[in-house]
C-alpha atoms as a PDB file:
ATOM      1  CA  MET A   1     -42.550 248.135 -83.876  1.00  0.00           C
ATOM      2  CA  SER A   2     -41.114 249.678 -81.510  1.00  0.00           C
ATOM      3  CA  THR A   3     -39.627 249.113 -77.851  1.00  0.00           C
ATOM      4  CA  THR A   4     -41.628 249.895 -74.615  1.00  0.00           C
ATOM      5  CA  PHE A   5     -39.351 250.312 -71.766  1.00  0.00           C
ATOM      6  CA  THR A   6     -39.990 250.249 -68.151  1.00  0.00           C
ATOM      7  CA  LYS A   7     -40.822 253.505 -66.736  1.00  0.00           C
ATOM      8  CA  ASP A   8     -39.636 253.854 -62.068  1.00  0.00           C
ATOM      9  CA  SER A   9     -43.524 253.847 -61.725  1.00  0.00           C
ATOM     10  CA  ASP A  10     -44.680 251.361 -63.394  1.00  0.00           C
ATOM     11  CA  VAL A  11     -42.293 249.140 -60.786  1.00  0.00           C
ATOM     12  CA  THR A  12     -44.252 247.243 -58.269  1.00  0.00           C
ATOM     13  CA  PRO A  13     -41.646 244.822 -56.213  1.00  0.00           C
ATOM     14  CA  ALA A  14     -42.163 241.944 -55.084  1.00  0.00           C
ATOM     15  CA  TRP A  15     -40.380 240.129 -52.211  1.00  0.00           C
ATOM     16  CA  TYR A  16     -38.690 237.232 -52.336  1.00  0.00           C
ATOM     17  CA  GLN A  17     -37.136 234.440 -49.580  1.00  0.00           C
ATOM     18  CA  VAL A  18     -34.481 231.715 -49.710  1.00  0.00           C
ATOM     19  CA  SER A  19     -32.924 230.119 -47.297  1.00  0.00           C
ATOM     20  CA  ALA A  20     -29.025 229.598 -47.695  1.00  0.00           C
ATOM     21  CA  GLU A  21     -28.523 226.429 -45.790  1.00  0.00           C
ATOM     22  CA  ASN A  22     -27.161 223.454 -47.814  1.00  0.00           C
ATOM     23  CA  GLN A  23     -26.443 225.998 -50.818  1.00  0.00           C
ATOM     24  CA  VAL A  24     -23.306 226.841 -52.920  1.00  0.00           C
ATOM     25  CA  LEU A  25     -22.118 230.212 -52.342  1.00  0.00           C
ATOM     26  CA  GLY A  26     -21.688 231.065 -55.846  1.00  0.00           C
ATOM     27  CA  ARG A  27     -24.875 229.597 -57.306  1.00  0.00           C
ATOM     28  CA  LEU A  28     -26.780 231.234 -54.541  1.00  0.00           C
ATOM     29  CA  ALA A  29     -25.397 234.434 -55.019  1.00  0.00           C
ATOM     30  CA  VAL A  30     -25.700 234.243 -58.767  1.00  0.00           C
ATOM     31  CA  ARG A  31     -29.726 233.500 -58.584  1.00  0.00           C
ATOM     32  CA  ILE A  32     -30.315 236.541 -55.807  1.00  0.00           C
ATOM     33  CA  ALA A  33     -28.398 239.173 -57.918  1.00  0.00           C
ATOM     34  CA  THR A  34     -30.525 238.170 -61.071  1.00  0.00           C
ATOM     35  CA  VAL A  35     -33.837 238.737 -58.903  1.00  0.00           C
ATOM     36  CA  LEU A  36     -32.117 242.013 -57.510  1.00  0.00           C
ATOM     37  CA  MET A  37     -31.846 243.218 -61.260  1.00  0.00           C
ATOM     38  CA  GLY A  38     -34.772 241.951 -62.376  1.00  0.00           C
ATOM     39  CA  LYS A  39     -33.572 239.621 -65.760  1.00  0.00           C
ATOM     40  CA  ASN A  40     -35.933 237.322 -65.022  1.00  0.00           C
ATOM     41  CA  LYS A  41     -38.567 239.022 -65.560  1.00  0.00           C
ATOM     42  CA  PRO A  42     -40.104 240.219 -69.258  1.00  0.00           C
ATOM     43  CA  SER A  43     -39.536 243.938 -68.915  1.00  0.00           C
ATOM     44  CA  TYR A  44     -36.155 244.090 -67.896  1.00  0.00           C
ATOM     45  CA  THR A  45     -34.804 247.511 -69.115  1.00  0.00           C
ATOM     46  CA  PRO A  46     -31.103 247.918 -67.972  1.00  0.00           C
ATOM     47  CA  HIS A  47     -31.452 251.352 -66.845  1.00  0.00           C
ATOM     48  CA  VAL A  48     -34.300 250.879 -64.431  1.00  0.00           C
ATOM     49  CA  ASP A  49     -34.311 249.287 -61.575  1.00  0.00           C
ATOM     50  CA  ASP A  50     -37.378 247.025 -62.040  1.00  0.00           C
ATOM     51  CA  GLY A  51     -36.046 243.938 -59.472  1.00  0.00           C
ATOM     52  CA  ASP A  52     -37.710 242.647 -56.695  1.00  0.00           C
ATOM     53  CA  TYR A  53     -36.591 242.053 -52.648  1.00  0.00           C
ATOM     54  CA  VAL A  54     -34.141 239.732 -51.735  1.00  0.00           C
ATOM     55  CA  ILE A  55     -34.258 237.570 -47.781  1.00  0.00           C
ATOM     56  CA  VAL A  56     -31.698 235.182 -47.047  1.00  0.00           C
ATOM     57  CA  THR A  57     -31.945 233.065 -43.768  1.00  0.00           C
ATOM     58  CA  ASP A  58     -29.090 230.697 -42.994  1.00  0.00           C
ATOM     59  CA  ALA A  59     -27.009 232.323 -43.969  1.00  0.00           C
ATOM     60  CA  GLU A  60     -23.785 230.772 -41.810  1.00  0.00           C
ATOM     61  CA  LYS A  61     -25.074 227.700 -43.033  1.00  0.00           C
ATOM     62  CA  ILE A  62     -23.882 228.412 -46.325  1.00  0.00           C
ATOM     63  CA  MET A  63     -21.227 226.420 -48.816  1.00  0.00           C
ATOM     64  CA  VAL A  64     -18.531 226.417 -50.780  1.00  0.00           C
ATOM     65  CA  THR A  65     -17.014 223.561 -52.920  1.00  0.00           C
ATOM     66  CA  GLY A  66     -12.698 222.789 -52.524  1.00  0.00           C
ATOM     67  CA  ASN A  67     -10.223 224.721 -50.267  1.00  0.00           C
ATOM     68  CA  LYS A  68     -12.330 228.017 -50.295  1.00  0.00           C
ATOM     69  CA  GLU A  69     -13.265 227.678 -46.236  1.00  0.00           C
ATOM     70  CA  VAL A  70      -9.441 228.247 -45.730  1.00  0.00           C
ATOM     71  CA  ASP A  71      -8.367 229.829 -49.128  1.00  0.00           C
ATOM     72  CA  LYS A  72     -10.310 232.096 -50.068  1.00  0.00           C
ATOM     73  CA  LEU A  73      -9.773 235.405 -48.898  1.00  0.00           C
ATOM     74  CA  TYR A  74     -11.651 239.197 -48.069  1.00  0.00           C
ATOM     75  CA  ARG A  75      -8.817 241.763 -48.748  1.00  0.00           C
ATOM     76  CA  ARG A  76      -9.861 245.438 -47.516  1.00  0.00           C
ATOM     77  CA  HIS A  77      -8.264 248.813 -46.821  1.00  0.00           C
ATOM     78  CA  THR A  78      -7.768 251.015 -43.666  1.00  0.00           C
ATOM     79  CA  GLY A  79      -6.258 254.054 -45.586  1.00  0.00           C
ATOM     80  CA  PHE A  80      -3.147 254.020 -43.641  1.00  0.00           C
ATOM     81  CA  VAL A  81       0.023 252.897 -44.896  1.00  0.00           C
ATOM     82  CA  GLY A  82       0.159 249.148 -44.504  1.00  0.00           C
ATOM     83  CA  GLY A  83      -3.109 248.909 -43.629  1.00  0.00           C
ATOM     84  CA  LEU A  84      -4.451 245.925 -46.044  1.00  0.00           C
ATOM     85  CA  LYS A  85      -6.215 243.217 -43.835  1.00  0.00           C
ATOM     86  CA  GLU A  86      -7.320 240.419 -44.712  1.00  0.00           C
ATOM     87  CA  ILE A  87      -9.196 237.326 -43.658  1.00  0.00           C
ATOM     88  CA  ASN A  88     -10.732 234.078 -44.886  1.00  0.00           C
ATOM     89  CA  LEU A  89     -13.253 232.578 -45.150  1.00  0.00           C
ATOM     90  CA  ALA A  90     -13.577 230.211 -41.767  1.00  0.00           C
ATOM     91  CA  GLY A  91     -12.574 233.509 -39.881  1.00  0.00           C
ATOM     92  CA  LEU A  92     -15.093 236.056 -41.595  1.00  0.00           C
ATOM     93  CA  ARG A  93     -18.640 232.750 -40.996  1.00  0.00           C
ATOM     94  CA  ALA A  94     -17.435 233.245 -37.260  1.00  0.00           C
ATOM     95  CA  ARG A  95     -17.534 236.821 -38.027  1.00  0.00           C
ATOM     96  CA  LYS A  96     -19.878 238.284 -39.377  1.00  0.00           C
ATOM     97  CA  PRO A  97     -21.750 235.529 -41.708  1.00  0.00           C
ATOM     98  CA  GLU A  98     -23.736 237.612 -43.685  1.00  0.00           C
ATOM     99  CA  MET A  99     -20.879 239.376 -45.034  1.00  0.00           C
ATOM    100  CA  ILE A 100     -20.166 236.184 -46.785  1.00  0.00           C
ATOM    101  CA  ILE A 101     -23.659 236.430 -48.867  1.00  0.00           C
ATOM    102  CA  GLN A 102     -22.946 239.970 -49.387  1.00  0.00           C
ATOM    103  CA  GLN A 103     -20.517 240.799 -50.367  1.00  0.00           C
ATOM    104  CA  ALA A 104     -21.112 237.702 -52.862  1.00  0.00           C
ATOM    105  CA  VAL A 105     -23.850 239.568 -54.116  1.00  0.00           C
ATOM    106  CA  ARG A 106     -22.703 242.713 -54.333  1.00  0.00           C
ATOM    107  CA  ARG A 107     -20.026 241.841 -57.044  1.00  0.00           C
ATOM    108  CA  MET A 108     -22.296 240.875 -59.210  1.00  0.00           C
ATOM    109  CA  LEU A 109     -24.138 244.274 -59.449  1.00  0.00           C
ATOM    110  CA  PRO A 110     -23.302 246.552 -61.659  1.00  0.00           C
ATOM    111  CA  LYS A 111     -20.957 249.403 -59.947  1.00  0.00           C
ATOM    112  CA  THR A 112     -22.778 252.522 -60.233  1.00  0.00           C
ATOM    113  CA  ARG A 113     -25.409 254.367 -58.861  1.00  0.00           C
ATOM    114  CA  LEU A 114     -28.778 251.998 -59.969  1.00  0.00           C
ATOM    115  CA  GLY A 115     -26.456 249.026 -58.815  1.00  0.00           C
ATOM    116  CA  ARG A 116     -26.370 250.884 -55.575  1.00  0.00           C
ATOM    117  CA  GLN A 117     -29.829 250.894 -55.278  1.00  0.00           C
ATOM    118  CA  MET A 118     -30.261 247.179 -56.606  1.00  0.00           C
ATOM    119  CA  TYR A 119     -27.579 246.099 -53.104  1.00  0.00           C
ATOM    120  CA  ALA A 120     -30.199 247.428 -50.606  1.00  0.00           C
ATOM    121  CA  LYS A 121     -33.028 245.443 -52.066  1.00  0.00           C
ATOM    122  CA  LEU A 122     -30.982 242.215 -50.418  1.00  0.00           C
ATOM    123  CA  LYS A 123     -31.863 241.965 -46.495  1.00  0.00           C
ATOM    124  CA  VAL A 124     -29.795 238.879 -45.733  1.00  0.00           C
ATOM    125  CA  CYS A 125     -30.564 237.197 -41.949  1.00  0.00           C
ATOM    126  CA  CYS A 126     -28.630 234.983 -39.430  1.00  0.00           C
ATOM    127  CA  GLY A 127     -30.654 232.362 -38.571  1.00  0.00           C
ATOM    128  CA  SER A 128     -34.400 231.266 -39.825  1.00  0.00           C
ATOM    129  CA  ASP A 129     -36.200 234.346 -38.526  1.00  0.00           C
ATOM    130  CA  HIS A 130     -36.342 237.838 -40.705  1.00  0.00           C
ATOM    131  CA  PRO A 131     -37.682 241.182 -39.293  1.00  0.00           C
ATOM    132  CA  HIS A 132     -39.589 241.375 -42.789  1.00  0.00           C
ATOM    133  CA  GLN A 133     -43.089 239.059 -42.235  1.00  0.00           C
ATOM    134  CA  ALA A 134     -45.023 241.121 -42.663  1.00  0.00           C
ATOM    135  CA  GLN A 135     -44.394 241.754 -46.188  1.00  0.00           C
ATOM    136  CA  LYS A 136     -45.629 237.975 -46.633  1.00  0.00           C
ATOM    137  CA  PRO A 137     -42.312 237.567 -48.727  1.00  0.00           C
ATOM    138  CA  GLN A 138     -42.683 234.433 -51.376  1.00  0.00           C
ATOM    139  CA  PRO A 139     -39.742 231.237 -51.780  1.00  0.00           C
ATOM    140  CA  LEU A 140     -37.528 232.375 -54.331  1.00  0.00           C
ATOM    141  CA  PRO A 141     -38.282 230.762 -57.622  1.00  0.00           C
END
């Protein structure tokens, strides 16, 4: 008995939509990352991008538990000496709320070219409207 592998030509991605309103950040990010990788399908193949597209709306209404609103820090570096920049979750929510979900999901995906392809299938929007109505997204199961 031989194992059948999915080929790139066999993949037909679906579109899913999920609202982040009153959902816990980490639990939502795990569900999204699983769908982006295609691990929810029986045809999952590690070396093929057979994941689906995910549209996240209401990004500014995501919840976190505990004291993370003040204590959780997002760090980046400018590349110059002493260029470490830090912002907490509350500050990032005020500036770019979609970045909170994008960072959480991106860090759960593989750190390879394939992971970057998967990450490109994530669309995060503030508010309940999104520009992907033509794809007829289904609710995320």
